[in-house]
Amino acid sequence: MDIYENWLPSKAYYAFHLLAWMGPIILLQWLGFWRTLWPNRWPIVKSVVIVGTYLCLTDIIAVHYGVWHFDKDLILGFSPGGVPIEEWAFFYLTALLVAQSFVLFLPDKLRRPALVPESKVN
């Protein structure tokens, strides 16, 4: 039984599940903790770019050498370097989720200070 057959094309399965799982968590982190995440955005961005790029490059090598492959019926079809764009998104979104969580769990003294609401400034 395919619960998606009436509304989701099979080529969008990977992308759908990726965004349905990670999207809400990343959004909730920003909705709840933007005052902490925003001042720390550049360390987050830098770590996401470095880690995400490293993981994508290693995946390109792994696919090239046949370590694994992707079901062409379940991906969108755009595959830079032979790796589906969904896989690229997975690596960068995973790095984002980890980097944001890391910042949120750091003790206050080890991260940039959170923004103070204006009501507390006056």
PDB file of N, CA and C in Angstrom:
ATOM      1  N   MET A   1       0.839  -1.182   0.000  1.00  0.00           N
ATOM      2  CA  MET A   1       0.000   0.000   0.000  1.00  0.00           C
ATOM      3  C   MET A   1       0.888   1.251   0.000  1.00  0.00           C
ATOM      4  N   ASP A   2       0.666   2.106  -0.955  1.00  0.00           N
ATOM      5  CA  ASP A   2       1.432   3.336  -1.084  1.00  0.00           C
ATOM      6  C   ASP A   2       0.563   4.495  -0.603  1.00  0.00           C
ATOM      7  N   ILE A   3       0.865   5.010   0.572  1.00  0.00           N
ATOM      8  CA  ILE A   3       0.019   6.063   1.142  1.00  0.00           C
ATOM      9  C   ILE A   3       0.176   7.409   0.425  1.00  0.00           C
ATOM     10  N   TYR A   4       1.177   7.518  -0.439  1.00  0.00           N
ATOM     11  CA  TYR A   4       1.429   8.773  -1.145  1.00  0.00           C
ATOM     12  C   TYR A   4       0.927   8.781  -2.588  1.00  0.00           C
ATOM     13  N   GLU A   5       0.490   7.649  -3.091  1.00  0.00           N
ATOM     14  CA  GLU A   5       0.252   7.519  -4.524  1.00  0.00           C
ATOM     15  C   GLU A   5      -0.717   8.542  -5.098  1.00  0.00           C
ATOM     16  N   ASN A   6      -1.643   9.048  -4.316  1.00  0.00           N
ATOM     17  CA  ASN A   6      -2.639   9.975  -4.846  1.00  0.00           C
ATOM     18  C   ASN A   6      -2.201  11.433  -4.846  1.00  0.00           C
ATOM     19  N   TRP A   7      -1.107  11.757  -4.160  1.00  0.00           N
ATOM     20  CA  TRP A   7      -0.745  13.167  -4.081  1.00  0.00           C
ATOM     21  C   TRP A   7       0.743  13.473  -4.175  1.00  0.00           C
ATOM     22  N   LEU A   8       1.603  12.485  -4.026  1.00  0.00           N
ATOM     23  CA  LEU A   8       3.042  12.759  -4.057  1.00  0.00           C
ATOM     24  C   LEU A   8       3.717  11.918  -5.129  1.00  0.00           C
ATOM     25  N   PRO A   9       4.316  12.567  -6.130  1.00  0.00           N
ATOM     26  CA  PRO A   9       5.033  11.793  -7.145  1.00  0.00           C
ATOM     27  C   PRO A   9       6.174  11.004  -6.499  1.00  0.00           C
ATOM     28  N   SER A  10       6.398   9.789  -6.959  1.00  0.00           N
ATOM     29  CA  SER A  10       7.423   8.938  -6.345  1.00  0.00           C
ATOM     30  C   SER A  10       8.813   9.575  -6.423  1.00  0.00           C
ATOM     31  N   LYS A  11       9.066  10.389  -7.443  1.00  0.00           N
ATOM     32  CA  LYS A  11      10.379  11.034  -7.565  1.00  0.00           C
ATOM     33  C   LYS A  11      10.620  12.064  -6.457  1.00  0.00           C
ATOM     34  N   ALA A  12       9.582  12.436  -5.742  1.00  0.00           N
ATOM     35  CA  ALA A  12       9.718  13.433  -4.677  1.00  0.00           C
ATOM     36  C   ALA A  12       9.771  12.802  -3.283  1.00  0.00           C
ATOM     37  N   TYR A  13       9.776  11.477  -3.181  1.00  0.00           N
ATOM     38  CA  TYR A  13       9.758  10.809  -1.871  1.00  0.00           C
ATOM     39  C   TYR A  13      10.916  11.244  -0.976  1.00  0.00           C
ATOM     40  N   TYR A  14      12.119  11.162  -1.493  1.00  0.00           N
ATOM     41  CA  TYR A  14      13.303  11.474  -0.683  1.00  0.00           C
ATOM     42  C   TYR A  14      13.240  12.929  -0.212  1.00  0.00           C
ATOM     43  N   ALA A  15      12.979  13.843  -1.138  1.00  0.00           N
ATOM     44  CA  ALA A  15      12.918  15.265  -0.800  1.00  0.00           C
ATOM     45  C   ALA A  15      11.815  15.536   0.222  1.00  0.00           C
ATOM     46  N   PHE A  16      10.663  14.920   0.033  1.00  0.00           N
ATOM     47  CA  PHE A  16       9.543  15.118   0.950  1.00  0.00           C
ATOM     48  C   PHE A  16       9.903  14.668   2.363  1.00  0.00           C
ATOM     49  N   HIS A  17      10.437  13.463   2.485  1.00  0.00           N
ATOM     50  CA  HIS A  17      10.770  12.945   3.810  1.00  0.00           C
ATOM     51  C   HIS A  17      11.883  13.755   4.475  1.00  0.00           C
ATOM     52  N   LEU A  18      12.828  14.192   3.693  1.00  0.00           N
ATOM     53  CA  LEU A  18      13.919  15.009   4.218  1.00  0.00           C
ATOM     54  C   LEU A  18      13.377  16.306   4.820  1.00  0.00           C
ATOM     55  N   LEU A  19      12.562  17.007   4.052  1.00  0.00           N
ATOM     56  CA  LEU A  19      12.024  18.285   4.521  1.00  0.00           C
ATOM     57  C   LEU A  19      10.983  18.103   5.619  1.00  0.00           C
ATOM     58  N   ALA A  20      10.191  17.030   5.535  1.00  0.00           N
ATOM     59  CA  ALA A  20       9.167  16.787   6.558  1.00  0.00           C
ATOM     60  C   ALA A  20       9.792  16.452   7.905  1.00  0.00           C
ATOM     61  N   TRP A  21      10.958  15.827   7.890  1.00  0.00           N
ATOM     62  CA  TRP A  21      11.605  15.469   9.152  1.00  0.00           C
ATOM     63  C   TRP A  21      12.447  16.615   9.693  1.00  0.00           C
ATOM     64  N   MET A  22      13.286  17.207   8.858  1.00  0.00           N
ATOM     65  CA  MET A  22      14.228  18.219   9.348  1.00  0.00           C
ATOM     66  C   MET A  22      13.642  19.623   9.411  1.00  0.00           C
ATOM     67  N   GLY A  23      12.787  19.941   8.475  1.00  0.00           N
ATOM     68  CA  GLY A  23      12.231  21.291   8.405  1.00  0.00           C
ATOM     69  C   GLY A  23      11.603  21.773   9.704  1.00  0.00           C
ATOM     70  N   PRO A  24      10.678  21.009  10.279  1.00  0.00           N
ATOM     71  CA  PRO A  24      10.042  21.464  11.520  1.00  0.00           C
ATOM     72  C   PRO A  24      11.023  21.630  12.684  1.00  0.00           C
ATOM     73  N   ILE A  25      12.011  20.765  12.782  1.00  0.00           N
ATOM     74  CA  ILE A  25      12.966  20.862  13.891  1.00  0.00           C
ATOM     75  C   ILE A  25      13.809  22.128  13.753  1.00  0.00           C
ATOM     76  N   ILE A  26      14.304  22.380  12.552  1.00  0.00           N
ATOM     77  CA  ILE A  26      15.103  23.590  12.321  1.00  0.00           C
ATOM     78  C   ILE A  26      14.247  24.835  12.556  1.00  0.00           C
ATOM     79  N   LEU A  27      13.011  24.811  12.066  1.00  0.00           N
ATOM     80  CA  LEU A  27      12.095  25.936  12.259  1.00  0.00           C
ATOM     81  C   LEU A  27      11.808  26.171  13.742  1.00  0.00           C
ATOM     82  N   LEU A  28      11.548  25.110  14.484  1.00  0.00           N
ATOM     83  CA  LEU A  28      11.277  25.249  15.921  1.00  0.00           C
ATOM     84  C   LEU A  28      12.486  25.809  16.668  1.00  0.00           C
ATOM     85  N   GLN A  29      13.679  25.394  16.273  1.00  0.00           N
ATOM     86  CA  GLN A  29      14.874  25.948  16.917  1.00  0.00           C
ATOM     87  C   GLN A  29      14.939  27.461  16.700  1.00  0.00           C
ATOM     88  N   TRP A  30      14.652  27.901  15.476  1.00  0.00           N
ATOM     89  CA  TRP A  30      14.712  29.336  15.190  1.00  0.00           C
ATOM     90  C   TRP A  30      13.567  30.088  15.848  1.00  0.00           C
ATOM     91  N   LEU A  31      12.382  29.498  15.879  1.00  0.00           N
ATOM     92  CA  LEU A  31      11.254  30.169  16.523  1.00  0.00           C
ATOM     93  C   LEU A  31      11.476  30.310  18.027  1.00  0.00           C
ATOM     94  N   GLY A  32      12.035  29.296  18.640  1.00  0.00           N
ATOM     95  CA  GLY A  32      12.205  29.317  20.083  1.00  0.00           C
ATOM     96  C   GLY A  32      13.481  29.962  20.580  1.00  0.00           C
ATOM     97  N   PHE A  33      14.518  29.959  19.754  1.00  0.00           N
ATOM     98  CA  PHE A  33      15.831  30.382  20.251  1.00  0.00           C
ATOM     99  C   PHE A  33      16.553  31.337  19.303  1.00  0.00           C
ATOM    100  N   TRP A  34      15.814  32.115  18.539  1.00  0.00           N
ATOM    101  CA  TRP A  34      16.451  32.992  17.561  1.00  0.00           C
ATOM    102  C   TRP A  34      17.379  34.005  18.224  1.00  0.00           C
ATOM    103  N   ARG A  35      17.070  34.409  19.441  1.00  0.00           N
ATOM    104  CA  ARG A  35      17.932  35.390  20.122  1.00  0.00           C
ATOM    105  C   ARG A  35      19.316  34.808  20.420  1.00  0.00           C
ATOM    106  N   THR A  36      19.392  33.508  20.539  1.00  0.00           N
ATOM    107  CA  THR A  36      20.683  32.850  20.752  1.00  0.00           C
ATOM    108  C   THR A  36      21.336  32.494  19.420  1.00  0.00           C
ATOM    109  N   LEU A  37      20.538  32.009  18.467  1.00  0.00           N
ATOM    110  CA  LEU A  37      21.092  31.562  17.189  1.00  0.00           C
ATOM    111  C   LEU A  37      21.580  32.728  16.329  1.00  0.00           C
ATOM    112  N   TRP A  38      20.845  33.826  16.288  1.00  0.00           N
ATOM    113  CA  TRP A  38      21.202  34.933  15.397  1.00  0.00           C
ATOM    114  C   TRP A  38      22.602  35.495  15.672  1.00  0.00           C
ATOM    115  N   PRO A  39      22.960  35.791  16.925  1.00  0.00           N
ATOM    116  CA  PRO A  39      24.316  36.308  17.163  1.00  0.00           C
ATOM    117  C   PRO A  39      25.413  35.288  16.836  1.00  0.00           C
ATOM    118  N   ASN A  40      25.044  34.028  16.764  1.00  0.00           N
ATOM    119  CA  ASN A  40      26.011  32.958  16.480  1.00  0.00           C
ATOM    120  C   ASN A  40      25.881  32.436  15.049  1.00  0.00           C
ATOM    121  N   ARG A  41      25.223  33.199  14.198  1.00  0.00           N
ATOM    122  CA  ARG A  41      24.921  32.720  12.840  1.00  0.00           C
ATOM    123  C   ARG A  41      26.171  32.455  12.011  1.00  0.00           C
ATOM    124  N   TRP A  42      27.219  33.291  12.139  1.00  0.00           N
ATOM    125  CA  TRP A  42      28.400  33.089  11.293  1.00  0.00           C
ATOM    126  C   TRP A  42      29.177  31.836  11.661  1.00  0.00           C
ATOM    127  N   PRO A  43      29.375  31.541  12.935  1.00  0.00           N
ATOM    128  CA  PRO A  43      29.995  30.245  13.244  1.00  0.00           C
ATOM    129  C   PRO A  43      29.139  29.068  12.763  1.00  0.00           C
ATOM    130  N   ILE A  44      27.825  29.227  12.842  1.00  0.00           N
ATOM    131  CA  ILE A  44      26.928  28.169  12.357  1.00  0.00           C
ATOM    132  C   ILE A  44      27.093  28.007  10.850  1.00  0.00           C
ATOM    133  N   VAL A  45      27.021  29.119  10.117  1.00  0.00           N
ATOM    134  CA  VAL A  45      27.137  29.065   8.650  1.00  0.00           C
ATOM    135  C   VAL A  45      28.482  28.479   8.232  1.00  0.00           C
ATOM    136  N   LYS A  46      29.556  28.935   8.849  1.00  0.00           N
ATOM    137  CA  LYS A  46      30.887  28.429   8.484  1.00  0.00           C
ATOM    138  C   LYS A  46      30.997  26.925   8.709  1.00  0.00           C
ATOM    139  N   SER A  47      30.507  26.457   9.841  1.00  0.00           N
ATOM    140  CA  SER A  47      30.605  25.016  10.110  1.00  0.00           C
ATOM    141  C   SER A  47      29.724  24.214   9.168  1.00  0.00           C
ATOM    142  N   VAL A  48      28.556  24.739   8.821  1.00  0.00           N
ATOM    143  CA  VAL A  48      27.669  24.044   7.880  1.00  0.00           C
ATOM    144  C   VAL A  48      28.325  23.947   6.507  1.00  0.00           C
ATOM    145  N   VAL A  49      28.923  25.022   6.044  1.00  0.00           N
ATOM    146  CA  VAL A  49      29.582  25.011   4.731  1.00  0.00           C
ATOM    147  C   VAL A  49      30.740  24.018   4.718  1.00  0.00           C
ATOM    148  N   ILE A  50      31.563  24.037   5.749  1.00  0.00           N
ATOM    149  CA  ILE A  50      32.720  23.136   5.793  1.00  0.00           C
ATOM    150  C   ILE A  50      32.285  21.678   5.887  1.00  0.00           C
ATOM    151  N   VAL A  51      31.438  21.365   6.854  1.00  0.00           N
ATOM    152  CA  VAL A  51      31.026  19.971   7.066  1.00  0.00           C
ATOM    153  C   VAL A  51      30.153  19.471   5.918  1.00  0.00           C
ATOM    154  N   GLY A  52      29.180  20.275   5.489  1.00  0.00           N
ATOM    155  CA  GLY A  52      28.307  19.864   4.385  1.00  0.00           C
ATOM    156  C   GLY A  52      29.084  19.601   3.109  1.00  0.00           C
ATOM    157  N   THR A  53      30.026  20.475   2.792  1.00  0.00           N
ATOM    158  CA  THR A  53      30.839  20.299   1.589  1.00  0.00           C
ATOM    159  C   THR A  53      31.711  19.053   1.691  1.00  0.00           C
ATOM    160  N   TYR A  54      32.324  18.851   2.835  1.00  0.00           N
ATOM    161  CA  TYR A  54      33.139  17.645   3.036  1.00  0.00           C
ATOM    162  C   TYR A  54      32.295  16.382   2.823  1.00  0.00           C
ATOM    163  N   LEU A  55      31.118  16.343   3.427  1.00  0.00           N
ATOM    164  CA  LEU A  55      30.265  15.156   3.293  1.00  0.00           C
ATOM    165  C   LEU A  55      29.807  14.944   1.848  1.00  0.00           C
ATOM    166  N   CYS A  56      29.486  16.030   1.155  1.00  0.00           N
ATOM    167  CA  CYS A  56      29.090  15.907  -0.257  1.00  0.00           C
ATOM    168  C   CYS A  56      30.237  15.370  -1.103  1.00  0.00           C
ATOM    169  N   LEU A  57      31.433  15.881  -0.878  1.00  0.00           N
ATOM    170  CA  LEU A  57      32.588  15.416  -1.651  1.00  0.00           C
ATOM    171  C   LEU A  57      32.888  13.942  -1.386  1.00  0.00           C
ATOM    172  N   THR A  58      32.790  13.521  -0.129  1.00  0.00           N
ATOM    173  CA  THR A  58      33.028  12.102   0.164  1.00  0.00           C
ATOM    174  C   THR A  58      31.933  11.234  -0.437  1.00  0.00           C
ATOM    175  N   ASP A  59      30.713  11.760  -0.506  1.00  0.00           N
ATOM    176  CA  ASP A  59      29.621  11.002  -1.121  1.00  0.00           C
ATOM    177  C   ASP A  59      29.832  10.878  -2.630  1.00  0.00           C
ATOM    178  N   ILE A  60      30.333  11.925  -3.261  1.00  0.00           N
ATOM    179  CA  ILE A  60      30.638  11.868  -4.695  1.00  0.00           C
ATOM    180  C   ILE A  60      31.654  10.762  -4.956  1.00  0.00           C
ATOM    181  N   ILE A  61      32.673  10.689  -4.119  1.00  0.00           N
ATOM    182  CA  ILE A  61      33.697   9.640  -4.269  1.00  0.00           C
ATOM    183  C   ILE A  61      33.083   8.265  -4.052  1.00  0.00           C
ATOM    184  N   ALA A  62      32.264   8.123  -3.015  1.00  0.00           N
ATOM    185  CA  ALA A  62      31.645   6.825  -2.714  1.00  0.00           C
ATOM    186  C   ALA A  62      30.744   6.357  -3.851  1.00  0.00           C
ATOM    187  N   VAL A  63      29.957   7.255  -4.409  1.00  0.00           N
ATOM    188  CA  VAL A  63      29.078   6.886  -5.526  1.00  0.00           C
ATOM    189  C   VAL A  63      29.915   6.531  -6.749  1.00  0.00           C
ATOM    190  N   HIS A  64      30.958   7.305  -7.006  1.00  0.00           N
ATOM    191  CA  HIS A  64      31.839   7.043  -8.149  1.00  0.00           C
ATOM    192  C   HIS A  64      32.439   5.635  -8.082  1.00  0.00           C
ATOM    193  N   TYR A  65      32.824   5.203  -6.887  1.00  0.00           N
ATOM    194  CA  TYR A  65      33.430   3.876  -6.722  1.00  0.00           C
ATOM    195  C   TYR A  65      32.410   2.773  -6.446  1.00  0.00           C
ATOM    196  N   GLY A  66      31.131   3.106  -6.545  1.00  0.00           N
ATOM    197  CA  GLY A  66      30.094   2.089  -6.417  1.00  0.00           C
ATOM    198  C   GLY A  66      29.827   1.600  -5.008  1.00  0.00           C
ATOM    199  N   VAL A  67      30.209   2.385  -4.014  1.00  0.00           N
ATOM    200  CA  VAL A  67      29.940   1.994  -2.629  1.00  0.00           C
ATOM    201  C   VAL A  67      28.432   1.911  -2.408  1.00  0.00           C
ATOM    202  N   TRP A  68      27.679   2.832  -2.988  1.00  0.00           N
ATOM    203  CA  TRP A  68      26.224   2.767  -2.981  1.00  0.00           C
ATOM    204  C   TRP A  68      25.681   3.526  -4.168  1.00  0.00           C
ATOM    205  N   HIS A  69      24.380   3.445  -4.340  1.00  0.00           N
ATOM    206  CA  HIS A  69      23.718   4.131  -5.448  1.00  0.00           C
ATOM    207  C   HIS A  69      22.356   4.609  -4.968  1.00  0.00           C
ATOM    208  N   PHE A  70      21.652   5.309  -5.832  1.00  0.00           N
ATOM    209  CA  PHE A  70      20.346   5.858  -5.486  1.00  0.00           C
ATOM    210  C   PHE A  70      19.307   5.355  -6.478  1.00  0.00           C
ATOM    211  N   ASP A  71      18.131   5.035  -5.975  1.00  0.00           N
ATOM    212  CA  ASP A  71      17.029   4.569  -6.813  1.00  0.00           C
ATOM    213  C   ASP A  71      16.511   5.752  -7.632  1.00  0.00           C
ATOM    214  N   LYS A  72      16.695   5.692  -8.929  1.00  0.00           N
ATOM    215  CA  LYS A  72      16.321   6.808  -9.804  1.00  0.00           C
ATOM    216  C   LYS A  72      14.815   7.083  -9.791  1.00  0.00           C
ATOM    217  N   ASP A  73      14.021   6.106  -9.350  1.00  0.00           N
ATOM    218  CA  ASP A  73      12.572   6.304  -9.277  1.00  0.00           C
ATOM    219  C   ASP A  73      12.154   7.125  -8.060  1.00  0.00           C
ATOM    220  N   LEU A  74      13.051   7.321  -7.110  1.00  0.00           N
ATOM    221  CA  LEU A  74      12.692   7.998  -5.865  1.00  0.00           C
ATOM    222  C   LEU A  74      13.406   9.328  -5.652  1.00  0.00           C
ATOM    223  N   ILE A  75      14.115   9.794  -6.680  1.00  0.00           N
ATOM    224  CA  ILE A  75      14.821  11.075  -6.561  1.00  0.00           C
ATOM    225  C   ILE A  75      14.376  12.012  -7.674  1.00  0.00           C
ATOM    226  N   LEU A  76      14.614  13.298  -7.486  1.00  0.00           N
ATOM    227  CA  LEU A  76      14.158  14.308  -8.441  1.00  0.00           C
ATOM    228  C   LEU A  76      14.883  14.241  -9.780  1.00  0.00           C
ATOM    229  N   GLY A  77      16.114  13.757  -9.788  1.00  0.00           N
ATOM    230  CA  GLY A  77      16.825  13.577 -11.047  1.00  0.00           C
ATOM    231  C   GLY A  77      17.964  14.544 -11.292  1.00  0.00           C
ATOM    232  N   PHE A  78      18.073  15.599 -10.505  1.00  0.00           N
ATOM    233  CA  PHE A  78      19.190  16.537 -10.636  1.00  0.00           C
ATOM    234  C   PHE A  78      20.297  16.046  -9.714  1.00  0.00           C
ATOM    235  N   SER A  79      21.418  15.628 -10.295  1.00  0.00           N
ATOM    236  CA  SER A  79      22.483  14.984  -9.515  1.00  0.00           C
ATOM    237  C   SER A  79      23.863  15.564  -9.810  1.00  0.00           C
ATOM    238  N   PRO A  80      24.202  16.721  -9.213  1.00  0.00           N
ATOM    239  CA  PRO A  80      25.543  17.276  -9.406  1.00  0.00           C
ATOM    240  C   PRO A  80      26.608  16.320  -8.878  1.00  0.00           C
ATOM    241  N   GLY A  81      27.597  16.042  -9.688  1.00  0.00           N
ATOM    242  CA  GLY A  81      28.658  15.121  -9.280  1.00  0.00           C
ATOM    243  C   GLY A  81      28.194  13.684  -9.138  1.00  0.00           C
ATOM    244  N   GLY A  82      27.019  13.372  -9.678  1.00  0.00           N
ATOM    245  CA  GLY A  82      26.488  12.015  -9.574  1.00  0.00           C
ATOM    246  C   GLY A  82      25.729  11.743  -8.286  1.00  0.00           C
ATOM    247  N   VAL A  83      25.591  12.769  -7.442  1.00  0.00           N
ATOM    248  CA  VAL A  83      24.881  12.622  -6.166  1.00  0.00           C
ATOM    249  C   VAL A  83      23.593  13.448  -6.231  1.00  0.00           C
ATOM    250  N   PRO A  84      22.449  12.835  -5.932  1.00  0.00           N
ATOM    251  CA  PRO A  84      21.173  13.556  -6.016  1.00  0.00           C
ATOM    252  C   PRO A  84      21.165  14.824  -5.155  1.00  0.00           C
ATOM    253  N   ILE A  85      20.462  15.824  -5.644  1.00  0.00           N
ATOM    254  CA  ILE A  85      20.375  17.095  -4.925  1.00  0.00           C
ATOM    255  C   ILE A  85      19.771  16.889  -3.540  1.00  0.00           C
ATOM    256  N   GLU A  86      18.917  15.877  -3.396  1.00  0.00           N
ATOM    257  CA  GLU A  86      18.341  15.577  -2.081  1.00  0.00           C
ATOM    258  C   GLU A  86      19.424  15.152  -1.093  1.00  0.00           C
ATOM    259  N   GLU A  87      20.422  14.438  -1.597  1.00  0.00           N
ATOM    260  CA  GLU A  87      21.524  13.990  -0.740  1.00  0.00           C
ATOM    261  C   GLU A  87      22.384  15.182  -0.325  1.00  0.00           C
ATOM    262  N   TRP A  88      22.605  16.094  -1.262  1.00  0.00           N
ATOM    263  CA  TRP A  88      23.323  17.328  -0.925  1.00  0.00           C
ATOM    264  C   TRP A  88      22.558  18.061   0.178  1.00  0.00           C
ATOM    265  N   ALA A  89      21.241  18.212  -0.013  1.00  0.00           N
ATOM    266  CA  ALA A  89      20.414  18.895   0.983  1.00  0.00           C
ATOM    267  C   ALA A  89      20.471  18.176   2.324  1.00  0.00           C
ATOM    268  N   PHE A  90      20.456  16.843   2.292  1.00  0.00           N
ATOM    269  CA  PHE A  90      20.538  16.064   3.528  1.00  0.00           C
ATOM    270  C   PHE A  90      21.805  16.407   4.304  1.00  0.00           C
ATOM    271  N   PHE A  91      22.934  16.450   3.622  1.00  0.00           N
ATOM    272  CA  PHE A  91      24.193  16.725   4.309  1.00  0.00           C
ATOM    273  C   PHE A  91      24.238  18.140   4.884  1.00  0.00           C
ATOM    274  N   TYR A  92      23.789  19.123   4.100  1.00  0.00           N
ATOM    275  CA  TYR A  92      23.817  20.497   4.602  1.00  0.00           C
ATOM    276  C   TYR A  92      22.787  20.717   5.703  1.00  0.00           C
ATOM    277  N   LEU A  93      21.599  20.135   5.565  1.00  0.00           N
ATOM    278  CA  LEU A  93      20.587  20.284   6.613  1.00  0.00           C
ATOM    279  C   LEU A  93      20.994  19.562   7.895  1.00  0.00           C
ATOM    280  N   THR A  94      21.614  18.400   7.758  1.00  0.00           N
ATOM    281  CA  THR A  94      22.102  17.686   8.942  1.00  0.00           C
ATOM    282  C   THR A  94      23.175  18.510   9.643  1.00  0.00           C
ATOM    283  N   ALA A  95      24.096  19.073   8.867  1.00  0.00           N
ATOM    284  CA  ALA A  95      25.141  19.918   9.453  1.00  0.00           C
ATOM    285  C   ALA A  95      24.521  21.137  10.143  1.00  0.00           C
ATOM    286  N   LEU A  96      23.476  21.711   9.538  1.00  0.00           N
ATOM    287  CA  LEU A  96      22.792  22.857  10.140  1.00  0.00           C
ATOM    288  C   LEU A  96      22.134  22.466  11.456  1.00  0.00           C
ATOM    289  N   LEU A  97      21.450  21.349  11.452  1.00  0.00           N
ATOM    290  CA  LEU A  97      20.782  20.871  12.660  1.00  0.00           C
ATOM    291  C   LEU A  97      21.788  20.622  13.789  1.00  0.00           C
ATOM    292  N   VAL A  98      22.895  20.001  13.461  1.00  0.00           N
ATOM    293  CA  VAL A  98      23.928  19.722  14.468  1.00  0.00           C
ATOM    294  C   VAL A  98      24.569  21.026  14.958  1.00  0.00           C
ATOM    295  N   ALA A  99      24.907  21.927  14.043  1.00  0.00           N
ATOM    296  CA  ALA A  99      25.565  23.183  14.428  1.00  0.00           C
ATOM    297  C   ALA A  99      24.657  24.029  15.320  1.00  0.00           C
ATOM    298  N   GLN A 100      23.396  24.147  14.947  1.00  0.00           N
ATOM    299  CA  GLN A 100      22.459  24.922  15.763  1.00  0.00           C
ATOM    300  C   GLN A 100      22.283  24.289  17.137  1.00  0.00           C
ATOM    301  N   SER A 101      22.130  22.977  17.164  1.00  0.00           N
ATOM    302  CA  SER A 101      21.957  22.279  18.443  1.00  0.00           C
ATOM    303  C   SER A 101      23.195  22.448  19.313  1.00  0.00           C
ATOM    304  N   PHE A 102      24.361  22.378  18.692  1.00  0.00           N
ATOM    305  CA  PHE A 102      25.615  22.551  19.429  1.00  0.00           C
ATOM    306  C   PHE A 102      25.659  23.926  20.087  1.00  0.00           C
ATOM    307  N   VAL A 103      25.315  24.954  19.330  1.00  0.00           N
ATOM    308  CA  VAL A 103      25.308  26.317  19.878  1.00  0.00           C
ATOM    309  C   VAL A 103      24.306  26.420  21.024  1.00  0.00           C
ATOM    310  N   LEU A 104      23.141  25.830  20.848  1.00  0.00           N
ATOM    311  CA  LEU A 104      22.117  25.923  21.890  1.00  0.00           C
ATOM    312  C   LEU A 104      22.513  25.198  23.173  1.00  0.00           C
ATOM    313  N   PHE A 105      23.292  24.133  23.056  1.00  0.00           N
ATOM    314  CA  PHE A 105      23.702  23.377  24.239  1.00  0.00           C
ATOM    315  C   PHE A 105      24.992  23.889  24.877  1.00  0.00           C
ATOM    316  N   LEU A 106      25.691  24.774  24.199  1.00  0.00           N
ATOM    317  CA  LEU A 106      26.918  25.340  24.778  1.00  0.00           C
ATOM    318  C   LEU A 106      26.585  26.168  26.021  1.00  0.00           C
ATOM    319  N   PRO A 107      27.454  26.160  27.007  1.00  0.00           N
ATOM    320  CA  PRO A 107      27.262  27.080  28.138  1.00  0.00           C
ATOM    321  C   PRO A 107      27.318  28.525  27.628  1.00  0.00           C
ATOM    322  N   ASP A 108      26.583  29.404  28.269  1.00  0.00           N
ATOM    323  CA  ASP A 108      26.516  30.807  27.837  1.00  0.00           C
ATOM    324  C   ASP A 108      27.888  31.439  27.634  1.00  0.00           C
ATOM    325  N   LYS A 109      28.829  31.124  28.488  1.00  0.00           N
ATOM    326  CA  LYS A 109      30.143  31.776  28.408  1.00  0.00           C
ATOM    327  C   LYS A 109      30.949  31.354  27.180  1.00  0.00           C
ATOM    328  N   LEU A 110      30.538  30.293  26.492  1.00  0.00           N
ATOM    329  CA  LEU A 110      31.280  29.807  25.322  1.00  0.00           C
ATOM    330  C   LEU A 110      30.657  30.207  23.987  1.00  0.00           C
ATOM    331  N   ARG A 111      29.576  30.964  24.021  1.00  0.00           N
ATOM    332  CA  ARG A 111      28.958  31.416  22.768  1.00  0.00           C
ATOM    333  C   ARG A 111      28.750  32.926  22.826  1.00  0.00           C
ATOM    334  N   ARG A 112      28.442  33.505  21.692  1.00  0.00           N
ATOM    335  CA  ARG A 112      28.174  34.941  21.650  1.00  0.00           C
ATOM    336  C   ARG A 112      26.900  35.211  22.454  1.00  0.00           C
ATOM    337  N   PRO A 113      26.842  36.334  23.147  1.00  0.00           N
ATOM    338  CA  PRO A 113      25.676  36.618  23.996  1.00  0.00           C
ATOM    339  C   PRO A 113      24.385  36.685  23.192  1.00  0.00           C
ATOM    340  N   ALA A 114      23.319  36.204  23.800  1.00  0.00           N
ATOM    341  CA  ALA A 114      22.005  36.248  23.165  1.00  0.00           C
ATOM    342  C   ALA A 114      21.516  37.690  23.116  1.00  0.00           C
ATOM    343  N   LEU A 115      20.655  37.970  22.142  1.00  0.00           N
ATOM    344  CA  LEU A 115      20.049  39.292  22.056  1.00  0.00           C
ATOM    345  C   LEU A 115      19.095  39.470  23.229  1.00  0.00           C
ATOM    346  N   VAL A 116      19.066  40.664  23.778  1.00  0.00           N
ATOM    347  CA  VAL A 116      18.177  40.956  24.901  1.00  0.00           C
ATOM    348  C   VAL A 116      16.926  41.626  24.352  1.00  0.00           C
ATOM    349  N   PRO A 117      15.727  41.157  24.753  1.00  0.00           N
ATOM    350  CA  PRO A 117      14.500  41.814  24.286  1.00  0.00           C
ATOM    351  C   PRO A 117      14.493  43.284  24.703  1.00  0.00           C
ATOM    352  N   GLU A 118      13.934  44.146  23.848  1.00  0.00           N
ATOM    353  CA  GLU A 118      13.931  45.585  24.128  1.00  0.00           C
ATOM    354  C   GLU A 118      13.233  45.913  25.433  1.00  0.00           C
ATOM    355  N   SER A 119      12.228  45.142  25.806  1.00  0.00           N
ATOM    356  CA  SER A 119      11.505  45.409  27.050  1.00  0.00           C
ATOM    357  C   SER A 119      12.424  45.269  28.264  1.00  0.00           C
ATOM    358  N   LYS A 120      13.472  44.477  28.154  1.00  0.00           N
ATOM    359  CA  LYS A 120      14.403  44.290  29.267  1.00  0.00           C
ATOM    360  C   LYS A 120      15.542  45.305  29.235  1.00  0.00           C
ATOM    361  N   VAL A 121      15.713  45.996  28.099  1.00  0.00           N
ATOM    362  CA  VAL A 121      16.782  46.982  27.970  1.00  0.00           C
ATOM    363  C   VAL A 121      16.384  48.267  28.683  1.00  0.00           C
ATOM    364  N   ASN A 122      15.140  48.666  28.548  1.00  0.00           N
ATOM    365  CA  ASN A 122      14.660  49.938  29.122  1.00  0.00           C
ATOM    366  C   ASN A 122      14.387  49.840  30.565  1.00  0.00           C
TER     367      ASN A 122
END
